[in-house]
């Protein structure tokens, strides 16, 4: 039986690890995880924050994920979006998911990322 989602993997081109570290650790504020030596030899990097774990794996014939994406829950979404914009990241708001504030962005290799925060819906009786 499934008990939880362990991690999400995104692809990245060879040699992109410095850009990925700068973005995922420096811009998003995630912590880089040590990869086991046998996996570290393949390149890429792993990051975590809260319960979210992202693996960035190197793919020779890399194409960024433009539609498929992880949905990353954040708190303080407006401040988080400002942080990303201030560090040069694109922020595109989307209001089509009821009960959530959310926006899309891209990592430095073009993978789509969704950031969202649930919001309390006003009581319809008010």
C-alpha atoms as a PDB file:
ATOM      1  CA  UNK A   1       0.000   0.000   0.000  1.00  0.00           C
ATOM      2  CA  UNK A   2       1.246   3.493  -0.795  1.00  0.00           C
ATOM      3  CA  UNK A   3       2.044   5.502   2.326  1.00  0.00           C
ATOM      4  CA  UNK A   4       3.693   8.674   0.982  1.00  0.00           C
ATOM      5  CA  UNK A   5       5.437  10.279  -1.965  1.00  0.00           C
ATOM      6  CA  UNK A   6       9.164   9.914  -1.317  1.00  0.00           C
ATOM      7  CA  UNK A   7      10.565  12.344  -3.912  1.00  0.00           C
ATOM      8  CA  UNK A   8      10.101  13.852  -7.354  1.00  0.00           C
ATOM      9  CA  UNK A   9      12.829  13.657  -9.974  1.00  0.00           C
ATOM     10  CA  UNK A  10      13.416  16.265 -12.636  1.00  0.00           C
ATOM     11  CA  UNK A  11      15.961  15.994 -15.429  1.00  0.00           C
ATOM     12  CA  UNK A  12      18.798  18.411 -16.082  1.00  0.00           C
ATOM     13  CA  UNK A  13      21.541  18.687 -18.709  1.00  0.00           C
ATOM     14  CA  UNK A  14      25.111  17.547 -18.070  1.00  0.00           C
ATOM     15  CA  UNK A  15      27.229  20.128 -16.258  1.00  0.00           C
ATOM     16  CA  UNK A  16      24.266  22.098 -14.844  1.00  0.00           C
ATOM     17  CA  UNK A  17      24.866  21.235 -11.188  1.00  0.00           C
ATOM     18  CA  UNK A  18      26.341  24.661 -10.237  1.00  0.00           C
ATOM     19  CA  UNK A  19      23.261  26.450 -11.661  1.00  0.00           C
ATOM     20  CA  UNK A  20      20.937  23.968  -9.959  1.00  0.00           C
ATOM     21  CA  UNK A  21      22.660  24.463  -6.592  1.00  0.00           C
ATOM     22  CA  UNK A  22      22.507  28.238  -6.943  1.00  0.00           C
ATOM     23  CA  UNK A  23      18.786  28.094  -7.687  1.00  0.00           C
ATOM     24  CA  UNK A  24      17.452  25.317  -5.462  1.00  0.00           C
ATOM     25  CA  UNK A  25      19.625  26.192  -2.442  1.00  0.00           C
ATOM     26  CA  UNK A  26      20.308  29.893  -3.019  1.00  0.00           C
ATOM     27  CA  UNK A  27      17.001  31.091  -4.473  1.00  0.00           C
ATOM     28  CA  UNK A  28      14.472  28.576  -3.132  1.00  0.00           C
ATOM     29  CA  UNK A  29      16.263  28.047   0.190  1.00  0.00           C
ATOM     30  CA  UNK A  30      16.295  24.245  -0.013  1.00  0.00           C
ATOM     31  CA  UNK A  31      19.018  22.155   1.610  1.00  0.00           C
ATOM     32  CA  UNK A  32      21.231  20.004  -0.590  1.00  0.00           C
ATOM     33  CA  UNK A  33      21.256  16.350   0.431  1.00  0.00           C
ATOM     34  CA  UNK A  34      24.271  14.082   0.123  1.00  0.00           C
ATOM     35  CA  UNK A  35      23.812  11.463  -2.556  1.00  0.00           C
ATOM     36  CA  UNK A  36      25.135   7.951  -1.981  1.00  0.00           C
ATOM     37  CA  UNK A  37      28.579   7.677  -3.648  1.00  0.00           C
ATOM     38  CA  UNK A  38      27.437   5.270  -6.378  1.00  0.00           C
ATOM     39  CA  UNK A  39      24.627   7.690  -7.337  1.00  0.00           C
ATOM     40  CA  UNK A  40      26.790  10.817  -6.923  1.00  0.00           C
ATOM     41  CA  UNK A  41      29.067   9.443  -9.650  1.00  0.00           C
ATOM     42  CA  UNK A  42      26.166   9.841 -12.096  1.00  0.00           C
ATOM     43  CA  UNK A  43      25.965  13.600 -11.466  1.00  0.00           C
ATOM     44  CA  UNK A  44      22.936  15.621 -10.503  1.00  0.00           C
ATOM     45  CA  UNK A  45      21.936  16.764  -7.034  1.00  0.00           C
ATOM     46  CA  UNK A  46      19.210  16.277  -4.428  1.00  0.00           C
ATOM     47  CA  UNK A  47      17.419  18.935  -2.368  1.00  0.00           C
ATOM     48  CA  UNK A  48      14.891  19.003   0.471  1.00  0.00           C
ATOM     49  CA  UNK A  49      12.773  21.507   2.389  1.00  0.00           C
ATOM     50  CA  UNK A  50       9.984  20.611   4.783  1.00  0.00           C
ATOM     51  CA  UNK A  51       8.558  17.352   3.464  1.00  0.00           C
ATOM     52  CA  UNK A  52       9.497  18.107  -0.157  1.00  0.00           C
ATOM     53  CA  UNK A  53      12.397  16.211  -1.725  1.00  0.00           C
ATOM     54  CA  UNK A  54      13.551  16.895  -5.290  1.00  0.00           C
ATOM     55  CA  UNK A  55      16.126  14.852  -7.184  1.00  0.00           C
ATOM     56  CA  UNK A  56      17.752  16.487 -10.214  1.00  0.00           C
ATOM     57  CA  UNK A  57      19.145  13.766 -12.446  1.00  0.00           C
ATOM     58  CA  UNK A  58      21.450  14.279 -15.391  1.00  0.00           C
ATOM     59  CA  UNK A  59      20.012  13.326 -18.760  1.00  0.00           C
ATOM     60  CA  UNK A  60      22.207  13.395 -21.872  1.00  0.00           C
ATOM     61  CA  UNK A  61      19.349  14.161 -24.268  1.00  0.00           C
ATOM     62  CA  UNK A  62      17.783  16.687 -21.874  1.00  0.00           C
ATOM     63  CA  UNK A  63      14.538  18.487 -22.658  1.00  0.00           C
ATOM     64  CA  UNK A  64      12.960  20.620 -19.911  1.00  0.00           C
ATOM     65  CA  UNK A  65       9.597  19.599 -18.486  1.00  0.00           C
ATOM     66  CA  UNK A  66       7.332  22.401 -19.728  1.00  0.00           C
ATOM     67  CA  UNK A  67       3.971  20.869 -18.715  1.00  0.00           C
ATOM     68  CA  UNK A  68       4.761  18.151 -16.166  1.00  0.00           C
ATOM     69  CA  UNK A  69       5.861  19.693 -12.861  1.00  0.00           C
ATOM     70  CA  UNK A  70       6.082  19.227  -9.112  1.00  0.00           C
ATOM     71  CA  UNK A  71       3.541  21.159  -7.062  1.00  0.00           C
ATOM     72  CA  UNK A  72       5.489  22.620  -4.150  1.00  0.00           C
ATOM     73  CA  UNK A  73       3.473  23.827  -1.162  1.00  0.00           C
ATOM     74  CA  UNK A  74       4.792  26.987   0.476  1.00  0.00           C
ATOM     75  CA  UNK A  75       3.754  29.256   3.325  1.00  0.00           C
ATOM     76  CA  UNK A  76       3.746  33.004   2.834  1.00  0.00           C
ATOM     77  CA  UNK A  77       3.344  32.666  -0.929  1.00  0.00           C
ATOM     78  CA  UNK A  78       3.343  36.401  -1.696  1.00  0.00           C
ATOM     79  CA  UNK A  79       6.638  36.925   0.155  1.00  0.00           C
ATOM     80  CA  UNK A  80       8.016  33.775  -1.468  1.00  0.00           C
ATOM     81  CA  UNK A  81       7.072  35.043  -4.949  1.00  0.00           C
ATOM     82  CA  UNK A  82       8.733  38.392  -4.189  1.00  0.00           C
ATOM     83  CA  UNK A  83      11.890  36.567  -3.081  1.00  0.00           C
ATOM     84  CA  UNK A  84      11.997  34.682  -6.385  1.00  0.00           C
ATOM     85  CA  UNK A  85      11.369  37.834  -8.466  1.00  0.00           C
ATOM     86  CA  UNK A  86      14.026  39.740  -6.506  1.00  0.00           C
ATOM     87  CA  UNK A  87      16.512  36.983  -7.367  1.00  0.00           C
ATOM     88  CA  UNK A  88      15.623  37.121 -11.064  1.00  0.00           C
ATOM     89  CA  UNK A  89      13.212  34.190 -11.325  1.00  0.00           C
ATOM     90  CA  UNK A  90      10.053  34.378 -13.407  1.00  0.00           C
ATOM     91  CA  UNK A  91       6.742  34.369 -11.469  1.00  0.00           C
ATOM     92  CA  UNK A  92       3.487  33.772 -13.369  1.00  0.00           C
ATOM     93  CA  UNK A  93       0.359  33.838 -11.201  1.00  0.00           C
ATOM     94  CA  UNK A  94      -2.528  31.472 -11.950  1.00  0.00           C
ATOM     95  CA  UNK A  95      -5.944  31.823 -10.289  1.00  0.00           C
ATOM     96  CA  UNK A  96      -7.687  28.741 -11.692  1.00  0.00           C
ATOM     97  CA  UNK A  97      -7.362  26.459  -8.644  1.00  0.00           C
ATOM     98  CA  UNK A  98     -10.083  27.270  -6.083  1.00  0.00           C
ATOM     99  CA  UNK A  99      -8.888  27.467  -2.500  1.00  0.00           C
ATOM    100  CA  UNK A 100      -5.278  28.178  -3.433  1.00  0.00           C
ATOM    101  CA  UNK A 101      -2.940  30.997  -4.287  1.00  0.00           C
ATOM    102  CA  UNK A 102      -0.434  29.716  -6.821  1.00  0.00           C
ATOM    103  CA  UNK A 103       2.152  30.655  -9.385  1.00  0.00           C
ATOM    104  CA  UNK A 104       4.446  28.969 -11.846  1.00  0.00           C
ATOM    105  CA  UNK A 105       8.149  29.502 -12.325  1.00  0.00           C
ATOM    106  CA  UNK A 106      11.071  27.725 -13.988  1.00  0.00           C
ATOM    107  CA  UNK A 107      14.353  26.431 -12.694  1.00  0.00           C
ATOM    108  CA  UNK A 108      17.537  27.572 -14.486  1.00  0.00           C
ATOM    109  CA  UNK A 109      17.348  24.713 -17.012  1.00  0.00           C
ATOM    110  CA  UNK A 110      13.708  25.409 -17.940  1.00  0.00           C
ATOM    111  CA  UNK A 111      11.785  22.855 -15.853  1.00  0.00           C
ATOM    112  CA  UNK A 112       8.315  24.082 -14.825  1.00  0.00           C
ATOM    113  CA  UNK A 113       7.657  24.427 -11.093  1.00  0.00           C
ATOM    114  CA  UNK A 114       4.329  25.165  -9.401  1.00  0.00           C
ATOM    115  CA  UNK A 115       4.238  26.860  -6.003  1.00  0.00           C
ATOM    116  CA  UNK A 116       0.957  26.908  -4.108  1.00  0.00           C
ATOM    117  CA  UNK A 117      -0.548  27.746  -0.757  1.00  0.00           C
ATOM    118  CA  UNK A 118      -4.027  26.733   0.392  1.00  0.00           C
ATOM    119  CA  UNK A 119      -6.188  29.631   1.532  1.00  0.00           C
ATOM    120  CA  UNK A 120      -9.240  29.558   3.743  1.00  0.00           C
ATOM    121  CA  UNK A 121     -12.354  30.043   1.633  1.00  0.00           C
ATOM    122  CA  UNK A 122     -14.813  32.574   2.974  1.00  0.00           C
ATOM    123  CA  UNK A 123     -17.873  31.042   4.541  1.00  0.00           C
ATOM    124  CA  UNK A 124     -20.664  31.273   1.942  1.00  0.00           C
ATOM    125  CA  UNK A 125     -23.129  32.253   4.702  1.00  0.00           C
ATOM    126  CA  UNK A 126     -21.332  35.563   5.368  1.00  0.00           C
END
